Amino acid sequence: MPMPLRATVDEARRAPIPPGFRSAALMRHGSMVLRYYAPQGTDPQTPHEQDELYIVASGRGAFVCSGKRVPFGPGDALFAPAGALHRFEDFGADFGTWVMFYGPKGGEHG
């Protein structure tokens, strides 16, 4: 089955979330997986094995990664290296973000 060229927020919000996951996978290619993540209330994430790039689709709040805290809003890009403690805080019910996992386990270096 070929990978879709486009994923929309509406499709992402309707996509089933498999058991054991917190987000729906919408695209895969090589090491890259594109997911849509919309936690409710709190963000219970734990560190991941791959580097992550978030693109905020909706909502505002704060992103905490490796002890640093930055505000975020729609359209912002946020990065979490593999293994880093990170989470979203102070967000409302309208928060949703694209998240792309990519690269080798342990993250890219350099």
PDB file of N, CA and C in Angstrom:
ATOM      1  N   MET A   1       0.847  -1.177   0.000  1.00  0.00           N
ATOM      2  CA  MET A   1       0.000   0.000   0.000  1.00  0.00           C
ATOM      3  C   MET A   1       0.898   1.249   0.000  1.00  0.00           C
ATOM      4  N   PRO A   2       0.720   2.151  -0.947  1.00  0.00           N
ATOM      5  CA  PRO A   2       1.579   3.341  -1.010  1.00  0.00           C
ATOM      6  C   PRO A   2       1.283   4.311   0.126  1.00  0.00           C
ATOM      7  N   MET A   3       2.318   5.067   0.506  1.00  0.00           N
ATOM      8  CA  MET A   3       2.151   6.057   1.562  1.00  0.00           C
ATOM      9  C   MET A   3       1.344   7.231   1.014  1.00  0.00           C
ATOM     10  N   PRO A   4       0.407   7.767   1.805  1.00  0.00           N
ATOM     11  CA  PRO A   4      -0.341   8.937   1.343  1.00  0.00           C
ATOM     12  C   PRO A   4       0.576  10.149   1.218  1.00  0.00           C
ATOM     13  N   LEU A   5       0.227  11.041   0.317  1.00  0.00           N
ATOM     14  CA  LEU A   5       0.989  12.270   0.137  1.00  0.00           C
ATOM     15  C   LEU A   5       0.558  13.359   1.098  1.00  0.00           C
ATOM     16  N   ARG A   6      -0.591  13.177   1.724  1.00  0.00           N
ATOM     17  CA  ARG A   6      -1.173  14.220   2.559  1.00  0.00           C
ATOM     18  C   ARG A   6      -1.892  13.592   3.738  1.00  0.00           C
ATOM     19  N   ALA A   7      -1.813  14.245   4.879  1.00  0.00           N
ATOM     20  CA  ALA A   7      -2.591  13.870   6.056  1.00  0.00           C
ATOM     21  C   ALA A   7      -3.213  15.151   6.597  1.00  0.00           C
ATOM     22  N   THR A   8      -4.475  15.105   6.945  1.00  0.00           N
ATOM     23  CA  THR A   8      -5.147  16.286   7.475  1.00  0.00           C
ATOM     24  C   THR A   8      -5.429  16.110   8.961  1.00  0.00           C
ATOM     25  N   VAL A   9      -5.599  17.225   9.661  1.00  0.00           N
ATOM     26  CA  VAL A   9      -5.924  17.180  11.079  1.00  0.00           C
ATOM     27  C   VAL A   9      -7.257  16.470  11.292  1.00  0.00           C
ATOM     28  N   ASP A  10      -8.230  16.713  10.424  1.00  0.00           N
ATOM     29  CA  ASP A  10      -9.520  16.032  10.569  1.00  0.00           C
ATOM     30  C   ASP A  10      -9.362  14.518  10.480  1.00  0.00           C
ATOM     31  N   GLU A  11      -8.581  14.044   9.505  1.00  0.00           N
ATOM     32  CA  GLU A  11      -8.319  12.604   9.388  1.00  0.00           C
ATOM     33  C   GLU A  11      -7.594  12.096  10.629  1.00  0.00           C
ATOM     34  N   ALA A  12      -6.617  12.873  11.078  1.00  0.00           N
ATOM     35  CA  ALA A  12      -5.822  12.465  12.232  1.00  0.00           C
ATOM     36  C   ALA A  12      -6.684  12.327  13.479  1.00  0.00           C
ATOM     37  N   ARG A  13      -7.597  13.247  13.685  1.00  0.00           N
ATOM     38  CA  ARG A  13      -8.465  13.204  14.868  1.00  0.00           C
ATOM     39  C   ARG A  13      -9.396  11.998  14.859  1.00  0.00           C
ATOM     40  N   ARG A  14      -9.723  11.506  13.664  1.00  0.00           N
ATOM     41  CA  ARG A  14     -10.620  10.346  13.535  1.00  0.00           C
ATOM     42  C   ARG A  14      -9.863   9.020  13.498  1.00  0.00           C
ATOM     43  N   ALA A  15      -8.563   9.057  13.286  1.00  0.00           N
ATOM     44  CA  ALA A  15      -7.776   7.828  13.140  1.00  0.00           C
ATOM     45  C   ALA A  15      -7.739   7.043  14.452  1.00  0.00           C
ATOM     46  N   PRO A  16      -7.851   5.731  14.349  1.00  0.00           N
ATOM     47  CA  PRO A  16      -7.807   4.921  15.579  1.00  0.00           C
ATOM     48  C   PRO A  16      -6.411   4.928  16.196  1.00  0.00           C
ATOM     49  N   ILE A  17      -6.383   4.941  17.509  1.00  0.00           N
ATOM     50  CA  ILE A  17      -5.119   4.869  18.246  1.00  0.00           C
ATOM     51  C   ILE A  17      -4.956   3.424  18.711  1.00  0.00           C
ATOM     52  N   PRO A  18      -3.898   2.752  18.235  1.00  0.00           N
ATOM     53  CA  PRO A  18      -3.722   1.342  18.591  1.00  0.00           C
ATOM     54  C   PRO A  18      -3.440   1.149  20.083  1.00  0.00           C
ATOM     55  N   PRO A  19      -3.794  -0.012  20.612  1.00  0.00           N
ATOM     56  CA  PRO A  19      -3.483  -0.306  22.018  1.00  0.00           C
ATOM     57  C   PRO A  19      -1.981  -0.137  22.268  1.00  0.00           C
ATOM     58  N   GLY A  20      -1.654   0.464  23.407  1.00  0.00           N
ATOM     59  CA  GLY A  20      -0.260   0.667  23.768  1.00  0.00           C
ATOM     60  C   GLY A  20       0.357   1.942  23.217  1.00  0.00           C
ATOM     61  N   PHE A  21      -0.398   2.702  22.422  1.00  0.00           N
ATOM     62  CA  PHE A  21       0.079   3.959  21.853  1.00  0.00           C
ATOM     63  C   PHE A  21      -0.780   5.109  22.355  1.00  0.00           C
ATOM     64  N   ARG A  22      -0.246   6.343  22.228  1.00  0.00           N
ATOM     65  CA  ARG A  22      -0.983   7.546  22.624  1.00  0.00           C
ATOM     66  C   ARG A  22      -1.329   8.422  21.431  1.00  0.00           C
ATOM     67  N   SER A  23      -0.985   7.935  20.222  1.00  0.00           N
ATOM     68  CA  SER A  23      -1.219   8.736  19.024  1.00  0.00           C
ATOM     69  C   SER A  23      -1.466   7.819  17.837  1.00  0.00           C
ATOM     70  N   ALA A  24      -2.102   8.389  16.821  1.00  0.00           N
ATOM     71  CA  ALA A  24      -2.405   7.650  15.600  1.00  0.00           C
ATOM     72  C   ALA A  24      -1.283   7.851  14.585  1.00  0.00           C
ATOM     73  N   ALA A  25      -0.825   6.773  13.962  1.00  0.00           N
ATOM     74  CA  ALA A  25       0.187   6.850  12.901  1.00  0.00           C
ATOM     75  C   ALA A  25      -0.516   7.115  11.574  1.00  0.00           C
ATOM     76  N   LEU A  26      -0.009   8.100  10.830  1.00  0.00           N
ATOM     77  CA  LEU A  26      -0.641   8.476   9.573  1.00  0.00           C
ATOM     78  C   LEU A  26       0.254   8.265   8.360  1.00  0.00           C
ATOM     79  N   MET A  27       1.570   8.296   8.551  1.00  0.00           N
ATOM     80  CA  MET A  27       2.520   8.069   7.463  1.00  0.00           C
ATOM     81  C   MET A  27       3.734   7.334   8.012  1.00  0.00           C
ATOM     82  N   ARG A  28       4.332   6.508   7.153  1.00  0.00           N
ATOM     83  CA  ARG A  28       5.588   5.817   7.472  1.00  0.00           C
ATOM     84  C   ARG A  28       6.441   5.778   6.218  1.00  0.00           C
ATOM     85  N   HIS A  29       7.747   5.995   6.409  1.00  0.00           N
ATOM     86  CA  HIS A  29       8.696   5.866   5.310  1.00  0.00           C
ATOM     87  C   HIS A  29      10.079   5.676   5.920  1.00  0.00           C
ATOM     88  N   GLY A  30      10.703   4.539   5.668  1.00  0.00           N
ATOM     89  CA  GLY A  30      11.993   4.267   6.289  1.00  0.00           C
ATOM     90  C   GLY A  30      11.870   4.359   7.801  1.00  0.00           C
ATOM     91  N   SER A  31      12.752   5.140   8.424  1.00  0.00           N
ATOM     92  CA  SER A  31      12.710   5.287   9.880  1.00  0.00           C
ATOM     93  C   SER A  31      11.668   6.312  10.341  1.00  0.00           C
ATOM     94  N   MET A  32      11.069   7.065   9.408  1.00  0.00           N
ATOM     95  CA  MET A  32      10.153   8.151   9.759  1.00  0.00           C
ATOM     96  C   MET A  32       8.731   7.636   9.986  1.00  0.00           C
ATOM     97  N   VAL A  33       8.136   8.106  11.072  1.00  0.00           N
ATOM     98  CA  VAL A  33       6.711   7.865  11.344  1.00  0.00           C
ATOM     99  C   VAL A  33       6.094   9.205  11.703  1.00  0.00           C
ATOM    100  N   LEU A  34       4.998   9.555  11.031  1.00  0.00           N
ATOM    101  CA  LEU A  34       4.248  10.769  11.343  1.00  0.00           C
ATOM    102  C   LEU A  34       3.011  10.367  12.132  1.00  0.00           C
ATOM    103  N   ARG A  35       2.835  11.008  13.286  1.00  0.00           N
ATOM    104  CA  ARG A  35       1.693  10.740  14.150  1.00  0.00           C
ATOM    105  C   ARG A  35       0.998  12.059  14.485  1.00  0.00           C
ATOM    106  N   TYR A  36      -0.193  11.945  15.023  1.00  0.00           N
ATOM    107  CA  TYR A  36      -0.914  13.104  15.536  1.00  0.00           C
ATOM    108  C   TYR A  36      -1.170  12.834  17.001  1.00  0.00           C
ATOM    109  N   TYR A  37      -0.778  13.782  17.856  1.00  0.00           N
ATOM    110  CA  TYR A  37      -0.849  13.603  19.300  1.00  0.00           C
ATOM    111  C   TYR A  37      -1.702  14.709  19.907  1.00  0.00           C
ATOM    112  N   ALA A  38      -2.720  14.313  20.656  1.00  0.00           N
ATOM    113  CA  ALA A  38      -3.622  15.281  21.295  1.00  0.00           C
ATOM    114  C   ALA A  38      -3.970  14.797  22.701  1.00  0.00           C
ATOM    115  N   PRO A  39      -3.040  14.962  23.639  1.00  0.00           N
ATOM    116  CA  PRO A  39      -3.325  14.508  25.007  1.00  0.00           C
ATOM    117  C   PRO A  39      -4.443  15.336  25.639  1.00  0.00           C
ATOM    118  N   GLN A  40      -5.124  14.741  26.567  1.00  0.00           N
ATOM    119  CA  GLN A  40      -6.199  15.426  27.279  1.00  0.00           C
ATOM    120  C   GLN A  40      -5.849  15.523  28.751  1.00  0.00           C
ATOM    121  N   GLY A  41      -5.842  16.733  29.288  1.00  0.00           N
ATOM    122  CA  GLY A  41      -5.562  16.940  30.707  1.00  0.00           C
ATOM    123  C   GLY A  41      -4.086  17.079  31.003  1.00  0.00           C
ATOM    124  N   THR A  42      -3.355  15.968  30.958  1.00  0.00           N
ATOM    125  CA  THR A  42      -1.918  15.981  31.200  1.00  0.00           C
ATOM    126  C   THR A  42      -1.213  15.208  30.098  1.00  0.00           C
ATOM    127  N   ASP A  43       0.073  15.412  29.984  1.00  0.00           N
ATOM    128  CA  ASP A  43       0.891  14.724  28.983  1.00  0.00           C
ATOM    129  C   ASP A  43       1.767  13.697  29.695  1.00  0.00           C
ATOM    130  N   PRO A  44       1.434  12.405  29.578  1.00  0.00           N
ATOM    131  CA  PRO A  44       2.166  11.376  30.317  1.00  0.00           C
ATOM    132  C   PRO A  44       3.371  10.796  29.563  1.00  0.00           C
ATOM    133  N   GLN A  45       3.927  11.521  28.607  1.00  0.00           N
ATOM    134  CA  GLN A  45       5.018  10.982  27.793  1.00  0.00           C
ATOM    135  C   GLN A  45       6.223  10.549  28.616  1.00  0.00           C
ATOM    136  N   THR A  46       6.924   9.594  28.082  1.00  0.00           N
ATOM    137  CA  THR A  46       8.228   9.177  28.574  1.00  0.00           C
ATOM    138  C   THR A  46       9.212   9.350  27.419  1.00  0.00           C
ATOM    139  N   PRO A  47      10.522   9.371  27.673  1.00  0.00           N
ATOM    140  CA  PRO A  47      11.487   9.548  26.586  1.00  0.00           C
ATOM    141  C   PRO A  47      11.324   8.483  25.493  1.00  0.00           C
ATOM    142  N   HIS A  48      11.649   8.885  24.269  1.00  0.00           N
ATOM    143  CA  HIS A  48      11.534   7.993  23.113  1.00  0.00           C
ATOM    144  C   HIS A  48      12.907   7.627  22.584  1.00  0.00           C
ATOM    145  N   GLU A  49      12.962   6.552  21.818  1.00  0.00           N
ATOM    146  CA  GLU A  49      14.230   6.051  21.276  1.00  0.00           C
ATOM    147  C   GLU A  49      14.723   6.840  20.066  1.00  0.00           C
ATOM    148  N   GLN A  50      13.823   7.562  19.400  1.00  0.00           N
ATOM    149  CA  GLN A  50      14.190   8.324  18.207  1.00  0.00           C
ATOM    150  C   GLN A  50      14.052   9.817  18.467  1.00  0.00           C
ATOM    151  N   ASP A  51      14.712  10.629  17.638  1.00  0.00           N
ATOM    152  CA  ASP A  51      14.513  12.074  17.663  1.00  0.00           C
ATOM    153  C   ASP A  51      13.069  12.364  17.261  1.00  0.00           C
ATOM    154  N   GLU A  52      12.544  13.494  17.759  1.00  0.00           N
ATOM    155  CA  GLU A  52      11.158  13.880  17.471  1.00  0.00           C
ATOM    156  C   GLU A  52      11.079  15.342  17.059  1.00  0.00           C
ATOM    157  N   LEU A  53      10.251  15.603  16.083  1.00  0.00           N
ATOM    158  CA  LEU A  53       9.947  16.968  15.680  1.00  0.00           C
ATOM    159  C   LEU A  53       8.442  17.138  15.782  1.00  0.00           C
ATOM    160  N   TYR A  54       8.008  18.137  16.542  1.00  0.00           N
ATOM    161  CA  TYR A  54       6.588  18.456  16.699  1.00  0.00           C
ATOM    162  C   TYR A  54       6.266  19.704  15.887  1.00  0.00           C
ATOM    163  N   ILE A  55       5.110  19.712  15.233  1.00  0.00           N
ATOM    164  CA  ILE A  55       4.556  20.907  14.602  1.00  0.00           C
ATOM    165  C   ILE A  55       3.169  21.098  15.216  1.00  0.00           C
ATOM    166  N   VAL A  56       3.008  22.153  15.986  1.00  0.00           N
ATOM    167  CA  VAL A  56       1.760  22.379  16.712  1.00  0.00           C
ATOM    168  C   VAL A  56       0.652  22.735  15.717  1.00  0.00           C
ATOM    169  N   ALA A  57      -0.429  21.971  15.742  1.00  0.00           N
ATOM    170  CA  ALA A  57      -1.573  22.205  14.858  1.00  0.00           C
ATOM    171  C   ALA A  57      -2.571  23.170  15.491  1.00  0.00           C
ATOM    172  N   SER A  58      -2.785  23.038  16.803  1.00  0.00           N
ATOM    173  CA  SER A  58      -3.748  23.908  17.482  1.00  0.00           C
ATOM    174  C   SER A  58      -3.441  23.951  18.971  1.00  0.00           C
ATOM    175  N   GLY A  59      -3.853  25.044  19.585  1.00  0.00           N
ATOM    176  CA  GLY A  59      -3.692  25.203  21.017  1.00  0.00           C
ATOM    177  C   GLY A  59      -2.398  25.909  21.407  1.00  0.00           C
ATOM    178  N   ARG A  60      -2.343  26.258  22.675  1.00  0.00           N
ATOM    179  CA  ARG A  60      -1.181  26.956  23.240  1.00  0.00           C
ATOM    180  C   ARG A  60      -0.836  26.327  24.577  1.00  0.00           C
ATOM    181  N   GLY A  61       0.408  26.505  24.988  1.00  0.00           N
ATOM    182  CA  GLY A  61       0.846  25.978  26.273  1.00  0.00           C
ATOM    183  C   GLY A  61       2.334  26.147  26.418  1.00  0.00           C
ATOM    184  N   ALA A  62       2.960  25.224  27.139  1.00  0.00           N
ATOM    185  CA  ALA A  62       4.407  25.243  27.340  1.00  0.00           C
ATOM    186  C   ALA A  62       4.965  23.870  27.010  1.00  0.00           C
ATOM    187  N   PHE A  63       6.155  23.860  26.421  1.00  0.00           N
ATOM    188  CA  PHE A  63       6.868  22.626  26.110  1.00  0.00           C
ATOM    189  C   PHE A  63       8.105  22.595  26.991  1.00  0.00           C
ATOM    190  N   VAL A  64       8.277  21.496  27.710  1.00  0.00           N
ATOM    191  CA  VAL A  64       9.421  21.314  28.585  1.00  0.00           C
ATOM    192  C   VAL A  64      10.268  20.182  28.021  1.00  0.00           C
ATOM    193  N   CYS A  65      11.568  20.452  27.829  1.00  0.00           N
ATOM    194  CA  CYS A  65      12.469  19.438  27.290  1.00  0.00           C
ATOM    195  C   CYS A  65      13.846  19.629  27.914  1.00  0.00           C
ATOM    196  N   SER A  66      14.347  18.570  28.498  1.00  0.00           N
ATOM    197  CA  SER A  66      15.680  18.581  29.116  1.00  0.00           C
ATOM    198  C   SER A  66      15.854  19.755  30.084  1.00  0.00           C
ATOM    199  N   GLY A  67      14.807  20.041  30.853  1.00  0.00           N
ATOM    200  CA  GLY A  67      14.875  21.087  31.864  1.00  0.00           C
ATOM    201  C   GLY A  67      14.625  22.497  31.368  1.00  0.00           C
ATOM    202  N   LYS A  68      14.430  22.668  30.056  1.00  0.00           N
ATOM    203  CA  LYS A  68      14.121  23.996  29.509  1.00  0.00           C
ATOM    204  C   LYS A  68      12.631  24.069  29.202  1.00  0.00           C
ATOM    205  N   ARG A  69      12.057  25.254  29.365  1.00  0.00           N
ATOM    206  CA  ARG A  69      10.608  25.452  29.145  1.00  0.00           C
ATOM    207  C   ARG A  69      10.420  26.601  28.161  1.00  0.00           C
ATOM    208  N   VAL A  70       9.615  26.360  27.119  1.00  0.00           N
ATOM    209  CA  VAL A  70       9.318  27.400  26.136  1.00  0.00           C
ATOM    210  C   VAL A  70       7.810  27.416  25.867  1.00  0.00           C
ATOM    211  N   PRO A  71       7.245  28.596  25.574  1.00  0.00           N
ATOM    212  CA  PRO A  71       5.835  28.654  25.193  1.00  0.00           C
ATOM    213  C   PRO A  71       5.670  28.122  23.761  1.00  0.00           C
ATOM    214  N   PHE A  72       4.466  27.639  23.440  1.00  0.00           N
ATOM    215  CA  PHE A  72       4.182  27.218  22.064  1.00  0.00           C
ATOM    216  C   PHE A  72       2.788  27.655  21.656  1.00  0.00           C
ATOM    217  N   GLY A  73       2.598  27.739  20.343  1.00  0.00           N
ATOM    218  CA  GLY A  73       1.304  28.062  19.747  1.00  0.00           C
ATOM    219  C   GLY A  73       1.212  27.446  18.373  1.00  0.00           C
ATOM    220  N   PRO A  74       0.080  27.599  17.694  1.00  0.00           N
ATOM    221  CA  PRO A  74      -0.116  27.005  16.376  1.00  0.00           C
ATOM    222  C   PRO A  74       0.989  27.387  15.396  1.00  0.00           C
ATOM    223  N   GLY A  75       1.485  26.381  14.694  1.00  0.00           N
ATOM    224  CA  GLY A  75       2.520  26.584  13.686  1.00  0.00           C
ATOM    225  C   GLY A  75       3.931  26.478  14.215  1.00  0.00           C
ATOM    226  N   ASP A  76       4.114  26.447  15.535  1.00  0.00           N
ATOM    227  CA  ASP A  76       5.456  26.349  16.101  1.00  0.00           C
ATOM    228  C   ASP A  76       6.039  24.960  15.877  1.00  0.00           C
ATOM    229  N   ALA A  77       7.359  24.898  15.701  1.00  0.00           N
ATOM    230  CA  ALA A  77       8.102  23.648  15.597  1.00  0.00           C
ATOM    231  C   ALA A  77       8.900  23.465  16.884  1.00  0.00           C
ATOM    232  N   LEU A  78       8.866  22.269  17.427  1.00  0.00           N
ATOM    233  CA  LEU A  78       9.540  21.942  18.681  1.00  0.00           C
ATOM    234  C   LEU A  78      10.332  20.657  18.485  1.00  0.00           C
ATOM    235  N   PHE A  79      11.510  20.564  19.096  1.00  0.00           N
ATOM    236  CA  PHE A  79      12.375  19.397  18.922  1.00  0.00           C
ATOM    237  C   PHE A  79      12.668  18.741  20.260  1.00  0.00           C
ATOM    238  N   ALA A  80      12.629  17.408  20.276  1.00  0.00           N
ATOM    239  CA  ALA A  80      13.029  16.621  21.444  1.00  0.00           C
ATOM    240  C   ALA A  80      13.998  15.546  20.966  1.00  0.00           C
ATOM    241  N   PRO A  81      15.264  15.609  21.402  1.00  0.00           N
ATOM    242  CA  PRO A  81      16.205  14.574  20.997  1.00  0.00           C
ATOM    243  C   PRO A  81      15.871  13.227  21.641  1.00  0.00           C
ATOM    244  N   ALA A  82      16.293  12.165  21.016  1.00  0.00           N
ATOM    245  CA  ALA A  82      16.063  10.825  21.550  1.00  0.00           C
ATOM    246  C   ALA A  82      16.547  10.748  22.993  1.00  0.00           C
ATOM    247  N   GLY A  83      15.746  10.138  23.837  1.00  0.00           N
ATOM    248  CA  GLY A  83      16.110   9.928  25.228  1.00  0.00           C
ATOM    249  C   GLY A  83      15.849  11.090  26.157  1.00  0.00           C
ATOM    250  N   ALA A  84      15.462  12.254  25.636  1.00  0.00           N
ATOM    251  CA  ALA A  84      15.250  13.432  26.479  1.00  0.00           C
ATOM    252  C   ALA A  84      13.911  13.370  27.205  1.00  0.00           C
ATOM    253  N   LEU A  85      13.907  13.771  28.474  1.00  0.00           N
ATOM    254  CA  LEU A  85      12.655  13.946  29.192  1.00  0.00           C
ATOM    255  C   LEU A  85      11.953  15.157  28.599  1.00  0.00           C
ATOM    256  N   HIS A  86      10.699  14.993  28.198  1.00  0.00           N
ATOM    257  CA  HIS A  86       9.956  16.104  27.608  1.00  0.00           C
ATOM    258  C   HIS A  86       8.463  15.899  27.819  1.00  0.00           C
ATOM    259  N   ARG A  87       7.724  17.031  27.770  1.00  0.00           N
ATOM    260  CA  ARG A  87       6.270  16.962  27.933  1.00  0.00           C
ATOM    261  C   ARG A  87       5.656  18.323  27.581  1.00  0.00           C
ATOM    262  N   PHE A  88       4.362  18.293  27.356  1.00  0.00           N
ATOM    263  CA  PHE A  88       3.590  19.505  27.143  1.00  0.00           C
ATOM    264  C   PHE A  88       2.875  19.834  28.450  1.00  0.00           C
ATOM    265  N   GLU A  89       2.821  21.125  28.793  1.00  0.00           N
ATOM    266  CA  GLU A  89       2.168  21.571  30.024  1.00  0.00           C
ATOM    267  C   GLU A  89       1.252  22.757  29.729  1.00  0.00           C
ATOM    268  N   ASP A  90       0.323  22.993  30.614  1.00  0.00           N
ATOM    269  CA  ASP A  90      -0.544  24.173  30.573  1.00  0.00           C
ATOM    270  C   ASP A  90      -1.274  24.343  29.243  1.00  0.00           C
ATOM    271  N   PHE A  91      -1.725  23.248  28.665  1.00  0.00           N
ATOM    272  CA  PHE A  91      -2.449  23.283  27.394  1.00  0.00           C
ATOM    273  C   PHE A  91      -3.930  23.017  27.641  1.00  0.00           C
ATOM    274  N   GLY A  92      -4.758  23.476  26.698  1.00  0.00           N
ATOM    275  CA  GLY A  92      -6.202  23.284  26.807  1.00  0.00           C
ATOM    276  C   GLY A  92      -6.685  22.092  25.999  1.00  0.00           C
ATOM    277  N   ALA A  93      -7.991  21.914  26.002  1.00  0.00           N
ATOM    278  CA  ALA A  93      -8.611  20.791  25.299  1.00  0.00           C
ATOM    279  C   ALA A  93      -8.454  20.887  23.790  1.00  0.00           C
ATOM    280  N   ASP A  94      -8.103  22.074  23.267  1.00  0.00           N
ATOM    281  CA  ASP A  94      -7.956  22.244  21.819  1.00  0.00           C
ATOM    282  C   ASP A  94      -6.547  21.898  21.319  1.00  0.00           C
ATOM    283  N   PHE A  95      -5.639  21.474  22.206  1.00  0.00           N
ATOM    284  CA  PHE A  95      -4.261  21.200  21.812  1.00  0.00           C
ATOM    285  C   PHE A  95      -4.145  19.931  20.978  1.00  0.00           C
ATOM    286  N   GLY A  96      -3.416  20.043  19.875  1.00  0.00           N
ATOM    287  CA  GLY A  96      -3.076  18.901  19.030  1.00  0.00           C
ATOM    288  C   GLY A  96      -1.801  19.216  18.269  1.00  0.00           C
ATOM    289  N   THR A  97      -0.966  18.217  18.068  1.00  0.00           N
ATOM    290  CA  THR A  97       0.304  18.433  17.379  1.00  0.00           C
ATOM    291  C   THR A  97       0.666  17.254  16.493  1.00  0.00           C
ATOM    292  N   TRP A  98       1.275  17.573  15.370  1.00  0.00           N
ATOM    293  CA  TRP A  98       1.896  16.550  14.541  1.00  0.00           C
ATOM    294  C   TRP A  98       3.207  16.195  15.221  1.00  0.00           C
ATOM    295  N   VAL A  99       3.578  14.929  15.211  1.00  0.00           N
ATOM    296  CA  VAL A  99       4.879  14.518  15.747  1.00  0.00           C
ATOM    297  C   VAL A  99       5.517  13.557  14.758  1.00  0.00           C
ATOM    298  N   MET A 100       6.745  13.870  14.384  1.00  0.00           N
ATOM    299  CA  MET A 100       7.485  13.023  13.468  1.00  0.00           C
ATOM    300  C   MET A 100       8.651  12.390  14.227  1.00  0.00           C
ATOM    301  N   PHE A 101       8.669  11.078  14.271  1.00  0.00           N
ATOM    302  CA  PHE A 101       9.792  10.318  14.818  1.00  0.00           C
ATOM    303  C   PHE A 101      10.674   9.943  13.632  1.00  0.00           C
ATOM    304  N   TYR A 102      11.993  10.059  13.802  1.00  0.00           N
ATOM    305  CA  TYR A 102      12.875   9.718  12.683  1.00  0.00           C
ATOM    306  C   TYR A 102      14.274   9.368  13.176  1.00  0.00           C
ATOM    307  N   GLY A 103      15.020   8.738  12.316  1.00  0.00           N
ATOM    308  CA  GLY A 103      16.423   8.440  12.585  1.00  0.00           C
ATOM    309  C   GLY A 103      16.625   7.163  13.354  1.00  0.00           C
ATOM    310  N   PRO A 104      17.882   6.879  13.674  1.00  0.00           N
ATOM    311  CA  PRO A 104      18.210   5.632  14.380  1.00  0.00           C
ATOM    312  C   PRO A 104      17.832   5.693  15.853  1.00  0.00           C
ATOM    313  N   LYS A 105      17.710   4.528  16.462  1.00  0.00           N
ATOM    314  CA  LYS A 105      17.525   4.474  17.906  1.00  0.00           C
ATOM    315  C   LYS A 105      18.720   5.156  18.558  1.00  0.00           C
ATOM    316  N   GLY A 106      18.451   5.990  19.545  1.00  0.00           N
ATOM    317  CA  GLY A 106      19.497   6.755  20.185  1.00  0.00           C
ATOM    318  C   GLY A 106      19.675   8.130  19.588  1.00  0.00           C
ATOM    319  N   GLY A 107      19.003   8.386  18.453  1.00  0.00           N
ATOM    320  CA  GLY A 107      19.028   9.694  17.820  1.00  0.00           C
ATOM    321  C   GLY A 107      20.223   9.919  16.912  1.00  0.00           C
ATOM    322  N   GLU A 108      20.146  10.985  16.150  1.00  0.00           N
ATOM    323  CA  GLU A 108      21.239  11.370  15.272  1.00  0.00           C
ATOM    324  C   GLU A 108      22.217  12.221  16.055  1.00  0.00           C
ATOM    325  N   HIS A 109      23.448  12.196  15.677  1.00  0.00           N
ATOM    326  CA  HIS A 109      24.488  12.970  16.386  1.00  0.00           C
ATOM    327  C   HIS A 109      25.137  13.924  15.413  1.00  0.00           C
ATOM    328  N   GLY A 110      25.305  15.157  15.879  1.00  0.00           N
ATOM    329  CA  GLY A 110      25.992  16.145  15.040  1.00  0.00           C
ATOM    330  C   GLY A 110      25.075  17.146  14.554  1.00  0.00           C
TER     331      GLY A 110
END
